[in-house]
Protein backbone atom coordinates (compact mmCIF):
# COMPACT_ATOMS: atom_id res chain seq x y z
CA MET A 1 -5.75 13.08 10.15
CA SER A 2 -7.24 13.11 5.90
CA THR A 3 -8.13 15.02 2.96
CA TYR A 4 -10.64 14.08 0.66
CA ILE A 5 -9.49 13.88 -2.86
CA ASP A 6 -10.88 14.10 -6.21
CA PRO A 7 -11.73 10.40 -7.42
CA ILE A 8 -10.93 11.59 -11.21
CA TRP A 9 -7.85 13.14 -10.88
CA LEU A 10 -6.78 9.92 -8.11
CA GLN A 11 -7.56 7.32 -10.67
CA LYS A 12 -5.41 9.27 -13.85
CA GLN A 13 -2.38 9.15 -11.49
CA ILE A 14 -2.96 5.58 -11.00
CA GLU A 15 -3.40 4.82 -14.46
CA GLU A 16 -0.01 7.16 -15.18
CA ASP A 17 1.68 4.87 -12.50
CA GLU A 18 2.44 7.89 -10.51
CA LEU A 19 0.95 5.81 -7.31
CA ARG A 20 1.30 1.80 -7.03
CA LEU A 21 -1.06 -0.22 -4.83
CA ILE A 22 0.45 -1.10 -1.47
CA ASN A 23 0.13 -4.90 -0.72
CA PHE A 24 -1.61 -5.04 2.42
CA LYS A 25 -3.93 -8.21 3.38
CA ALA A 26 -6.75 -6.61 3.30
CA GLY A 27 -7.26 -2.57 2.50
CA HIS A 28 -7.30 -0.52 -0.74
CA TYR A 29 -4.68 2.00 -0.32
CA TYR A 30 -2.19 3.38 -2.76
CA ILE A 31 1.33 5.92 -2.57
CA SER A 32 3.37 7.92 -4.54
CA ARG A 33 7.04 7.82 -4.79
CA GLN A 34 6.77 10.80 -2.83
CA ALA A 35 5.39 8.93 -0.15
CA GLU A 36 1.67 10.41 -0.37
CA ILE A 37 -0.43 7.73 0.67
CA TYR A 38 -4.26 7.47 -0.55
CA SER A 39 -7.31 5.68 0.52
CA MET A 40 -9.92 4.18 -1.64
CA ASN A 41 -11.80 2.21 0.91
CA MET A 42 -14.55 4.54 0.31
CA ALA A 43 -16.87 6.05 -2.84
CA GLN A 44 -14.95 9.48 -1.67
CA PRO A 45 -11.39 8.62 -1.85
CA ARG A 46 -8.77 10.49 0.96
CA ARG A 47 -5.40 11.47 1.57
CA ILE A 48 -4.10 9.72 4.99
CA MET A 49 -1.19 12.27 6.42
CA PRO A 50 1.01 10.96 8.35
CA ILE A 51 2.27 11.17 12.03
CA PRO A 52 6.07 11.92 13.08
CA LYS A 53 7.84 9.99 15.86
CA LEU A 54 10.78 12.59 17.49
CA THR A 55 13.49 10.70 15.96
CA GLY A 56 11.51 12.71 12.99
CA GLU A 57 10.57 8.85 11.18
CA GLN A 58 7.02 9.05 9.81
CA ILE A 59 4.20 6.69 10.85
CA ILE A 60 1.01 6.24 9.41
CA VAL A 61 -1.79 4.49 10.71
CA LEU A 62 -4.36 2.84 8.32
CA TYR A 63 -7.33 0.50 8.69
CA THR A 64 -6.16 -2.88 7.27
CA PRO A 65 -8.43 -4.38 8.65
CA GLY A 66 -7.41 -3.52 12.14
CA ILE A 67 -6.07 -0.06 13.13
CA THR A 68 -2.84 -0.97 12.46
CA ALA A 69 1.26 1.68 12.42
CA TYR A 70 3.30 1.30 9.64
CA ASP A 71 6.58 2.86 8.85
CA VAL A 72 6.30 5.35 5.77
CA SER A 73 9.44 4.63 4.46
CA SER A 74 9.03 0.49 4.19
CA LEU A 75 5.75 0.94 2.41
CA VAL A 76 7.27 3.29 -0.21
CA LEU A 77 10.69 0.36 -0.59
CA SER A 78 8.18 -2.42 -0.33
CA THR A 79 6.17 -0.71 -2.74
CA TYR A 80 8.73 0.55 -5.57
CA SER A 81 11.78 -1.93 -4.87
CA PRO A 82 10.54 -5.14 -3.45
CA SER A 83 13.40 -6.87 -5.74
CA HIS A 84 15.69 -5.46 -2.63
CA LEU A 85 13.55 -6.21 0.08
CA ASP A 86 14.79 -9.39 2.47
CA SER A 87 14.26 -10.12 6.44
CA HIS A 88 17.96 -8.21 6.88
CA ASN A 89 17.63 -4.95 4.95
CA VAL A 90 15.86 -2.00 6.68
CA PRO A 91 14.77 1.20 5.67
CA CYS A 92 17.38 4.48 5.30
CA TYR A 93 18.00 7.52 4.37
CA ARG A 94 20.43 9.29 1.81
CA ASP A 95 20.22 12.40 3.79
CA ALA A 96 20.14 11.17 6.63
CA ASP A 97 16.63 13.27 7.38
CA PRO A 98 13.76 10.42 8.52
CA THR A 99 11.17 13.24 7.43
CA ASN A 100 12.12 12.61 3.47
CA CYS A 101 10.58 9.50 2.29
CA SER A 102 10.42 10.00 -1.54
CA LEU A 103 11.77 6.79 -3.17
CA SER A 104 15.08 8.80 -4.50
CA ASN A 105 15.92 9.45 -0.51
CA LEU A 106 15.72 5.64 0.31
CA PHE A 107 17.56 2.52 0.16
CA TRP A 108 17.41 -1.08 1.68
CA GLY A 109 20.60 -1.11 3.92
CA ASN A 110 21.83 -2.65 7.02
CA GLU A 111 22.30 -2.44 10.50
CA LEU A 112 24.85 -0.65 10.28
CA ASP A 113 23.41 1.49 8.02
CA ALA A 114 20.93 2.43 9.57
CA LEU A 115 23.09 2.85 12.61
CA THR A 116 25.16 5.74 9.92
CA TRP A 117 22.29 8.09 9.30
CA ARG A 118 20.73 8.14 13.02
CA LYS A 119 23.97 9.45 13.91
CA GLU A 120 23.86 12.05 10.81
CA ALA A 121 20.88 12.96 12.00
CA MET A 122 21.21 13.15 15.66
CA LYS A 123 24.28 15.56 14.48
CA LYS A 124 21.83 17.66 12.35
CA THR A 125 19.18 17.94 15.09
CA SER A 126 19.26 20.34 17.53
CA GLN A 127 19.15 19.03 21.25
CA ASN A 128 17.01 21.57 22.18
CA THR A 129 14.27 21.26 18.90
CA SER A 130 10.56 21.72 20.21
CA VAL A 131 8.19 19.31 19.66
CA THR A 132 4.29 19.53 19.36
CA ALA A 133 1.71 18.65 21.54
CA GLN A 134 1.21 15.65 19.27
CA GLN A 135 4.68 14.55 19.23
CA ASP A 136 4.81 14.30 22.85
CA VAL A 137 1.90 12.02 22.95
CA LEU A 138 4.14 9.97 20.43
CA GLU A 139 7.07 10.10 23.08
CA ASP A 140 4.97 8.68 25.97
CA SER A 141 3.31 5.76 23.77
CA GLU A 142 6.08 5.01 21.66
CA GLU A 143 7.24 1.64 23.37
CA SER A 144 3.81 0.27 22.33
CA ILE A 145 3.17 1.04 19.45
CA VAL A 146 4.03 -1.69 16.78
CA ILE A 147 5.23 -0.92 13.64
CA GLU A 148 4.16 -3.77 11.23
CA GLN A 149 6.03 -4.98 7.97
CA VAL A 150 3.93 -5.43 5.01
CA PRO A 151 4.49 -8.60 3.09
CA SER A 152 6.75 -8.76 0.05
CA MET A 153 5.44 -8.85 -3.20
CA VAL A 154 6.21 -12.04 -6.02
CA LYS A 155 7.21 -11.80 -9.05
CA ALA A 156 4.80 -12.44 -11.84
CA SER A 157 5.04 -15.05 -14.08
CA LYS A 158 3.50 -15.52 -17.69
CA LEU A 159 0.29 -17.82 -16.21
CA LEU A 160 -0.29 -15.45 -13.29
CA SER A 161 0.04 -12.45 -15.66
CA ALA A 162 -3.01 -14.74 -18.20
CA LEU A 163 -4.95 -14.90 -15.28
CA ILE A 164 -4.63 -11.05 -13.94
CA ASP A 165 -5.91 -10.00 -17.57
CA MET A 166 -8.39 -12.78 -17.81
CA ILE A 167 -9.80 -11.45 -14.50
CA ILE A 168 -10.13 -7.70 -15.86
CA SER A 169 -11.89 -8.54 -18.93
CA THR A 170 -14.49 -11.09 -17.38
CA THR A 171 -15.21 -8.50 -15.23
CA GLN A 172 -15.40 -5.72 -17.55
CA ARG A 173 -17.88 -7.73 -19.44
CA MET A 174 -19.68 -8.56 -16.50
CA MET A 175 -20.18 -4.43 -15.39
CA SER A 176 -21.28 -3.65 -19.15
CA HIS A 177 -23.49 -6.67 -20.01
CA HIS A 178 -25.88 -6.35 -16.70
CA GLU A 179 -27.03 -4.05 -13.91
CA TYR A 180 -26.55 -4.54 -10.57
CA ASP A 181 -26.86 -2.98 -7.00
CA ASP A 182 -24.36 -0.38 -6.01
CA GLU A 183 -22.38 -2.76 -3.96
CA THR A 184 -21.83 -5.09 -6.34
CA GLN A 185 -20.94 -2.52 -8.72
CA PHE A 186 -17.91 -1.15 -6.12
CA LEU A 187 -17.12 -4.96 -5.93
CA LEU A 188 -16.42 -5.17 -9.67
CA ARG A 189 -15.24 -1.85 -9.89
CA MET A 190 -12.28 -2.41 -7.10
CA THR A 191 -11.43 -6.07 -8.44
CA GLU A 192 -11.14 -4.61 -12.25
CA MET A 193 -8.28 -1.33 -10.68
CA ARG A 194 -6.73 -3.93 -8.23
CA PHE A 195 -6.18 -6.41 -11.09
CA LYS A 196 -5.46 -3.37 -13.79
CA HIS A 197 -3.14 -2.24 -11.63
CA ALA A 198 -1.45 -5.09 -10.60
CA LEU A 199 -1.50 -6.19 -15.01
CA GLY A 200 1.90 -5.75 -16.55
CA LYS A 201 3.80 -5.03 -13.22
CA GLU A 202 6.98 -7.14 -12.69
CA TYR A 203 6.17 -7.86 -9.00
CA VAL A 204 2.22 -8.33 -8.01
CA PRO A 205 0.66 -7.30 -4.50
CA LEU A 206 -0.46 -11.22 -4.03
CA ASP A 207 -1.42 -10.34 -0.77
CA ASN A 208 -4.05 -6.88 -1.22
CA LEU A 209 -5.28 -9.34 -4.94
CA ARG A 210 -6.64 -11.89 -2.76
CA SER A 211 -8.01 -9.67 -0.44
CA VAL A 212 -10.74 -9.34 -3.31
CA PHE A 213 -11.81 -12.57 -2.99
CA GLU A 214 -13.03 -12.78 0.73
CA LEU A 215 -15.57 -9.91 0.42
CA GLU A 216 -18.56 -10.71 -0.25
CA ALA A 217 -21.18 -10.19 -3.18
CA PRO A 218 -24.52 -10.04 -2.99
CA ASP A 219 -25.26 -10.55 -6.71
CA PRO A 220 -25.12 -14.98 -6.55
CA LYS A 221 -23.54 -14.97 -10.31
CA VAL A 222 -20.98 -12.18 -9.24
CA SER A 223 -20.27 -14.94 -5.72
CA VAL A 224 -20.02 -17.72 -8.09
CA MET A 225 -17.85 -15.52 -10.56
CA MET A 226 -15.66 -14.64 -7.78
CA LYS A 227 -15.21 -18.15 -6.32
CA ARG A 228 -14.10 -19.59 -9.51
CA PHE A 229 -11.45 -16.40 -9.53
CA HIS A 230 -10.67 -17.28 -6.14
CA GLU A 231 -9.88 -21.14 -6.77
CA ARG A 232 -7.89 -20.36 -9.81
CA PHE A 233 -5.82 -17.99 -8.49
CA GLU A 234 -4.73 -20.31 -5.30
CA LYS A 235 -3.93 -22.66 -7.93
CA VAL A 236 -1.73 -20.34 -9.87
CA VAL A 237 0.25 -18.63 -7.27
CA LEU A 238 1.48 -21.93 -5.14
C-alpha cells in the first residue's frame, strides 16, 4: 500500500536531514527516524506502508530491484545507527512494542536482549487478540518470507568526501550548461540528489551510490562522464 507525496515537501525533508537514503544495492528509498519510508523511484514520490506480522514486527516489501522484504526496525537502525552494527546484533525495542519502530525506541542488542523484549511483549499481548485478514495471510506464509539484510554503510574518508563533492559539482554544471532529454535529466538529478545526501555524513550508503553508475545514460557525453565517475569511485573505495 502506498500514497503519493508532494515532491517539494519530500525534497525539503531530505535537505533538512529528516529523511536519509537507505543503503540498498538498487532503488531510491528514504527513511525517517519515525520509520516512515518513501520511494523516489518514479517522478511522483510515494510513501510505502509496512505490513505487520502476527508478532507485531513490521516488514516492508520494496523493489530493490526484485521484490524483497525487509524488517523496518533494521532499516531504521542500519540507516541512523550504522556504527553499532555487526553480524551478532539484532534490532530490539525499549518498550517491548514491535509496532513502534521509531529510532528513539530501538537499539542494537544481542539474542538475549531480543528474547527479553519478546517475553515482555507476550505479557502485554492478549492471547485472544483478533487479527486482520491480511495478517492471517502473513501467518500462513511467514515461513516462506525471507527478510533481507541491508548492506552496512562505510565511514567516509577525506578522499571519498572530496570525490562526492566533485561528482555533485560536475553534475550540477552539466545540468546548467546543457539541455537533455527527460531520461538523461532524471538521471543527472538523481545522481546529484543521492551524492548530495551523502556529502558531510559520517557514514556513506556506498552500495546505493554505486548503483547509480549501473544506470544507462542516453546522452553519450553523460554516459562517458558516469563511466569516469564510476572508475574513480571504485579506486577510492577499494
